[in-house]
Amino acid sequence: MNADHDSDVGSETMIKNQTSPLWGPEIIGLHQVALYVMCGGGFLGHFAAEQPADFYIDDRVGRLPYSRKEIIKAAGTLTTIAKAHGLNPHNLPPMPLLHSFGIFGV
């Protein structure tokens, strides 16, 4: 085994130990919806919620409901929680459907 692999395994174990008591797998859907709303919905929101590890905000994006820094931090948190529960943060399950009388257009 190489040193990089050992450090990855060690950091994954540390992340899981730190997040498991506080963030169970049931919280992932809630974080996905929160991140979707933070981005203002739409394509950007879906991208953030379902692929947080690959998420970025293009320079062409105009106004956002939250700052770019807050959104990036929220995507990082979702990525960490997904990794801690053995999910692939590059391809999370679809976020929960929003039944909001059509406000979010989902």
N, C-alpha and C. Protein backbone atom coordinates (compact mmCIF):
# COMPACT_ATOMS: atom_id res chain seq x y z
N MET A 1 0.83 -1.19 0.00
CA MET A 1 0.00 0.00 0.00
C MET A 1 0.87 1.24 0.00
N ASN A 2 0.38 2.27 -0.65
CA ASN A 2 1.15 3.51 -0.66
C ASN A 2 0.69 4.43 0.47
N ALA A 3 1.49 5.43 0.74
CA ALA A 3 1.21 6.35 1.85
C ALA A 3 -0.06 7.17 1.58
N ASP A 4 -0.30 7.52 0.31
CA ASP A 4 -1.50 8.30 -0.01
C ASP A 4 -2.76 7.52 0.32
N HIS A 5 -2.79 6.24 -0.04
CA HIS A 5 -3.95 5.41 0.25
C HIS A 5 -4.16 5.29 1.75
N ASP A 6 -3.10 5.10 2.52
CA ASP A 6 -3.22 4.98 3.96
C ASP A 6 -3.76 6.26 4.57
N SER A 7 -3.32 7.41 4.09
CA SER A 7 -3.82 8.67 4.63
C SER A 7 -5.27 8.88 4.25
N ASP A 8 -5.69 8.45 3.03
CA ASP A 8 -7.08 8.56 2.62
C ASP A 8 -7.97 7.71 3.53
N VAL A 9 -7.56 6.48 3.81
CA VAL A 9 -8.33 5.60 4.67
C VAL A 9 -8.42 6.18 6.07
N GLY A 10 -7.31 6.71 6.57
CA GLY A 10 -7.31 7.31 7.90
C GLY A 10 -8.21 8.52 7.98
N SER A 11 -8.19 9.36 6.95
CA SER A 11 -9.03 10.56 6.98
C SER A 11 -10.50 10.19 6.83
N GLU A 12 -10.81 9.16 6.03
CA GLU A 12 -12.20 8.71 5.91
C GLU A 12 -12.72 8.19 7.24
N THR A 13 -11.89 7.43 7.96
CA THR A 13 -12.29 6.92 9.26
C THR A 13 -12.51 8.07 10.23
N MET A 14 -11.63 9.04 10.22
CA MET A 14 -11.76 10.19 11.11
C MET A 14 -13.04 10.96 10.78
N ILE A 15 -13.32 11.18 9.50
CA ILE A 15 -14.53 11.89 9.10
C ILE A 15 -15.76 11.12 9.54
N LYS A 16 -15.76 9.82 9.34
CA LYS A 16 -16.92 9.01 9.72
C LYS A 16 -17.15 9.06 11.22
N ASN A 17 -16.07 8.99 11.99
CA ASN A 17 -16.20 9.04 13.45
C ASN A 17 -16.74 10.39 13.90
N GLN A 18 -16.36 11.45 13.22
CA GLN A 18 -16.80 12.79 13.61
C GLN A 18 -18.22 13.09 13.17
N THR A 19 -18.63 12.58 12.04
CA THR A 19 -19.94 12.94 11.50
C THR A 19 -21.05 11.96 11.87
N SER A 20 -20.73 10.70 12.07
CA SER A 20 -21.77 9.70 12.27
C SER A 20 -22.72 10.00 13.42
N PRO A 21 -22.22 10.38 14.61
CA PRO A 21 -23.18 10.62 15.69
C PRO A 21 -24.08 11.83 15.42
N LEU A 22 -23.61 12.77 14.63
CA LEU A 22 -24.36 14.00 14.42
C LEU A 22 -25.17 14.01 13.13
N TRP A 23 -24.64 13.38 12.10
CA TRP A 23 -25.24 13.44 10.78
C TRP A 23 -25.49 12.04 10.25
N GLY A 24 -26.66 11.49 10.52
CA GLY A 24 -26.99 10.17 10.00
C GLY A 24 -27.30 10.25 8.52
N PRO A 25 -27.43 9.11 7.87
CA PRO A 25 -27.70 9.10 6.43
C PRO A 25 -29.02 9.78 6.06
N GLU A 26 -29.96 9.83 7.00
CA GLU A 26 -31.26 10.46 6.70
C GLU A 26 -31.14 11.98 6.51
N ILE A 27 -30.05 12.55 6.95
CA ILE A 27 -29.86 14.01 6.86
C ILE A 27 -29.40 14.43 5.45
N ILE A 28 -28.94 13.49 4.65
CA ILE A 28 -28.41 13.83 3.33
C ILE A 28 -29.47 14.49 2.45
N GLY A 29 -30.66 13.96 2.43
CA GLY A 29 -31.74 14.55 1.64
C GLY A 29 -32.06 15.97 2.06
N LEU A 30 -32.03 16.22 3.36
CA LEU A 30 -32.30 17.57 3.86
C LEU A 30 -31.21 18.54 3.43
N HIS A 31 -29.97 18.09 3.47
CA HIS A 31 -28.86 18.93 3.01
C HIS A 31 -28.96 19.19 1.51
N GLN A 32 -29.40 18.19 0.77
CA GLN A 32 -29.56 18.38 -0.68
C GLN A 32 -30.58 19.48 -0.97
N VAL A 33 -31.71 19.42 -0.27
CA VAL A 33 -32.75 20.43 -0.48
C VAL A 33 -32.25 21.81 -0.06
N ALA A 34 -31.56 21.88 1.08
CA ALA A 34 -31.03 23.16 1.55
C ALA A 34 -30.06 23.75 0.53
N LEU A 35 -29.19 22.92 -0.02
CA LEU A 35 -28.22 23.39 -1.00
C LEU A 35 -28.91 23.83 -2.29
N TYR A 36 -29.93 23.10 -2.69
CA TYR A 36 -30.72 23.46 -3.87
C TYR A 36 -31.32 24.86 -3.70
N VAL A 37 -31.89 25.12 -2.54
CA VAL A 37 -32.51 26.41 -2.26
C VAL A 37 -31.45 27.51 -2.16
N MET A 38 -30.30 27.20 -1.54
CA MET A 38 -29.23 28.19 -1.43
C MET A 38 -28.75 28.67 -2.80
N CYS A 39 -28.82 27.78 -3.79
CA CYS A 39 -28.39 28.13 -5.16
C CYS A 39 -29.49 28.83 -5.95
N GLY A 40 -30.67 28.90 -5.38
CA GLY A 40 -31.78 29.52 -6.11
C GLY A 40 -32.52 28.54 -7.00
N GLY A 41 -32.29 27.25 -6.79
CA GLY A 41 -32.98 26.22 -7.57
C GLY A 41 -32.37 26.03 -8.94
N GLY A 42 -33.18 25.56 -9.85
CA GLY A 42 -32.77 25.39 -11.24
C GLY A 42 -31.67 24.37 -11.45
N PHE A 43 -31.01 24.48 -12.61
CA PHE A 43 -29.95 23.55 -12.97
C PHE A 43 -28.80 23.61 -11.97
N LEU A 44 -28.42 24.82 -11.58
CA LEU A 44 -27.31 24.98 -10.64
C LEU A 44 -27.63 24.30 -9.31
N GLY A 45 -28.86 24.45 -8.83
CA GLY A 45 -29.27 23.82 -7.58
C GLY A 45 -29.25 22.30 -7.65
N HIS A 46 -29.74 21.75 -8.77
CA HIS A 46 -29.72 20.29 -8.95
C HIS A 46 -28.28 19.78 -9.02
N PHE A 47 -27.44 20.49 -9.73
CA PHE A 47 -26.03 20.10 -9.84
C PHE A 47 -25.38 20.08 -8.46
N ALA A 48 -25.62 21.10 -7.66
CA ALA A 48 -25.04 21.18 -6.32
C ALA A 48 -25.56 20.06 -5.43
N ALA A 49 -26.85 19.79 -5.50
CA ALA A 49 -27.47 18.80 -4.62
C ALA A 49 -27.11 17.36 -4.96
N GLU A 50 -26.92 17.07 -6.23
CA GLU A 50 -26.71 15.69 -6.64
C GLU A 50 -25.27 15.36 -7.02
N GLN A 51 -24.43 16.38 -7.19
CA GLN A 51 -23.01 16.16 -7.49
C GLN A 51 -22.16 17.19 -6.73
N PRO A 52 -22.25 17.21 -5.40
CA PRO A 52 -21.56 18.26 -4.65
C PRO A 52 -20.04 18.23 -4.78
N ALA A 53 -19.44 17.07 -5.02
CA ALA A 53 -17.98 17.00 -5.14
C ALA A 53 -17.49 17.65 -6.44
N ASP A 54 -18.34 17.71 -7.46
CA ASP A 54 -17.97 18.30 -8.75
C ASP A 54 -18.50 19.72 -8.91
N PHE A 55 -19.20 20.20 -7.91
CA PHE A 55 -19.92 21.47 -8.03
C PHE A 55 -18.98 22.67 -8.08
N TYR A 56 -19.30 23.60 -8.93
CA TYR A 56 -18.62 24.89 -8.99
C TYR A 56 -19.63 25.92 -9.46
N ILE A 57 -19.33 27.19 -9.21
CA ILE A 57 -20.20 28.27 -9.66
C ILE A 57 -19.45 29.03 -10.74
N ASP A 58 -19.97 28.99 -11.94
CA ASP A 58 -19.37 29.66 -13.08
C ASP A 58 -19.42 31.18 -12.89
N ASP A 59 -18.47 31.86 -13.47
CA ASP A 59 -18.42 33.32 -13.37
C ASP A 59 -19.62 34.01 -14.04
N ARG A 60 -20.28 33.30 -14.92
CA ARG A 60 -21.42 33.90 -15.63
C ARG A 60 -22.69 33.92 -14.79
N VAL A 61 -22.69 33.23 -13.64
CA VAL A 61 -23.87 33.20 -12.79
C VAL A 61 -24.05 34.58 -12.16
N GLY A 62 -25.27 35.08 -12.22
CA GLY A 62 -25.57 36.40 -11.67
C GLY A 62 -25.76 36.36 -10.16
N ARG A 63 -26.83 36.94 -9.72
CA ARG A 63 -27.11 37.02 -8.29
C ARG A 63 -27.56 35.66 -7.75
N LEU A 64 -27.13 35.40 -6.55
CA LEU A 64 -27.51 34.17 -5.85
C LEU A 64 -28.14 34.55 -4.52
N PRO A 65 -29.05 33.71 -4.01
CA PRO A 65 -29.67 34.02 -2.72
C PRO A 65 -28.67 34.05 -1.55
N TYR A 66 -27.61 33.27 -1.66
CA TYR A 66 -26.56 33.21 -0.63
C TYR A 66 -25.23 33.50 -1.30
N SER A 67 -24.24 33.83 -0.51
CA SER A 67 -22.93 34.14 -1.08
C SER A 67 -22.30 32.87 -1.67
N ARG A 68 -21.44 33.06 -2.62
CA ARG A 68 -20.74 31.93 -3.25
C ARG A 68 -19.96 31.14 -2.20
N LYS A 69 -19.34 31.85 -1.26
CA LYS A 69 -18.55 31.19 -0.22
C LYS A 69 -19.43 30.28 0.64
N GLU A 70 -20.61 30.75 1.02
CA GLU A 70 -21.52 29.92 1.83
C GLU A 70 -22.00 28.70 1.06
N ILE A 71 -22.28 28.88 -0.21
CA ILE A 71 -22.75 27.77 -1.04
C ILE A 71 -21.65 26.72 -1.21
N ILE A 72 -20.44 27.16 -1.47
CA ILE A 72 -19.31 26.23 -1.63
C ILE A 72 -19.06 25.47 -0.32
N LYS A 73 -19.16 26.15 0.81
CA LYS A 73 -18.99 25.49 2.10
C LYS A 73 -20.09 24.45 2.34
N ALA A 74 -21.32 24.78 1.96
CA ALA A 74 -22.43 23.84 2.12
C ALA A 74 -22.24 22.62 1.22
N ALA A 75 -21.74 22.82 0.00
CA ALA A 75 -21.45 21.70 -0.90
C ALA A 75 -20.34 20.82 -0.32
N GLY A 76 -19.35 21.44 0.29
CA GLY A 76 -18.28 20.68 0.94
C GLY A 76 -18.80 19.86 2.12
N THR A 77 -19.72 20.44 2.88
CA THR A 77 -20.32 19.71 3.99
C THR A 77 -21.09 18.50 3.50
N LEU A 78 -21.89 18.69 2.45
CA LEU A 78 -22.65 17.57 1.88
C LEU A 78 -21.71 16.50 1.34
N THR A 79 -20.61 16.89 0.72
CA THR A 79 -19.62 15.95 0.22
C THR A 79 -19.04 15.13 1.37
N THR A 80 -18.70 15.79 2.46
CA THR A 80 -18.12 15.11 3.62
C THR A 80 -19.11 14.12 4.23
N ILE A 81 -20.35 14.53 4.38
CA ILE A 81 -21.37 13.63 4.95
C ILE A 81 -21.58 12.43 4.03
N ALA A 82 -21.63 12.66 2.72
CA ALA A 82 -21.82 11.55 1.78
C ALA A 82 -20.66 10.56 1.88
N LYS A 83 -19.43 11.06 1.90
CA LYS A 83 -18.26 10.18 2.03
C LYS A 83 -18.31 9.39 3.33
N ALA A 84 -18.72 10.04 4.40
CA ALA A 84 -18.77 9.38 5.70
C ALA A 84 -19.75 8.22 5.72
N HIS A 85 -20.76 8.29 4.86
CA HIS A 85 -21.76 7.22 4.82
C HIS A 85 -21.60 6.30 3.62
N GLY A 86 -20.43 6.37 2.99
CA GLY A 86 -20.12 5.45 1.91
C GLY A 86 -20.81 5.74 0.59
N LEU A 87 -21.31 6.95 0.42
CA LEU A 87 -21.95 7.32 -0.85
C LEU A 87 -20.93 8.02 -1.74
N ASN A 88 -21.17 7.98 -3.02
CA ASN A 88 -20.31 8.63 -3.98
C ASN A 88 -20.75 10.09 -4.13
N PRO A 89 -19.96 11.06 -3.62
CA PRO A 89 -20.38 12.47 -3.70
C PRO A 89 -20.35 13.04 -5.11
N HIS A 90 -19.87 12.26 -6.08
CA HIS A 90 -19.90 12.69 -7.48
C HIS A 90 -21.21 12.31 -8.13
N ASN A 91 -22.00 11.46 -7.45
CA ASN A 91 -23.27 10.99 -8.01
C ASN A 91 -24.19 10.55 -6.88
N LEU A 92 -24.76 11.51 -6.17
CA LEU A 92 -25.68 11.19 -5.08
C LEU A 92 -27.04 10.81 -5.64
N PRO A 93 -27.85 10.13 -4.83
CA PRO A 93 -29.21 9.84 -5.28
C PRO A 93 -29.96 11.15 -5.54
N PRO A 94 -31.01 11.09 -6.35
CA PRO A 94 -31.79 12.32 -6.60
C PRO A 94 -32.27 12.92 -5.29
N MET A 95 -32.30 14.23 -5.24
CA MET A 95 -32.77 14.89 -4.01
C MET A 95 -34.26 14.65 -3.86
N PRO A 96 -34.76 14.74 -2.63
CA PRO A 96 -36.20 14.53 -2.41
C PRO A 96 -37.03 15.53 -3.22
N LEU A 97 -38.19 15.08 -3.67
CA LEU A 97 -39.08 15.96 -4.41
C LEU A 97 -39.65 17.02 -3.49
N LEU A 98 -39.81 18.20 -4.02
CA LEU A 98 -40.39 19.30 -3.26
C LEU A 98 -41.86 19.45 -3.65
N HIS A 99 -42.73 19.31 -2.72
CA HIS A 99 -44.16 19.51 -2.97
C HIS A 99 -44.50 20.88 -2.40
N SER A 100 -44.29 21.91 -3.23
CA SER A 100 -44.38 23.28 -2.73
C SER A 100 -45.32 24.13 -3.57
N PHE A 101 -46.35 23.53 -4.11
CA PHE A 101 -47.32 24.27 -4.92
C PHE A 101 -46.66 24.94 -6.13
N GLY A 102 -45.59 24.36 -6.62
CA GLY A 102 -44.94 24.87 -7.83
C GLY A 102 -44.00 26.04 -7.62
N ILE A 103 -43.73 26.40 -6.39
CA ILE A 103 -42.87 27.55 -6.13
C ILE A 103 -41.48 27.33 -6.67
N PHE A 104 -40.92 26.12 -6.47
CA PHE A 104 -39.54 25.83 -6.88
C PHE A 104 -39.47 25.26 -8.29
N GLY A 105 -40.60 24.96 -8.89
CA GLY A 105 -40.61 24.48 -10.26
C GLY A 105 -40.05 23.09 -10.44
N VAL A 106 -40.09 22.26 -9.41
CA VAL A 106 -39.57 20.89 -9.52
C VAL A 106 -40.69 19.96 -9.83
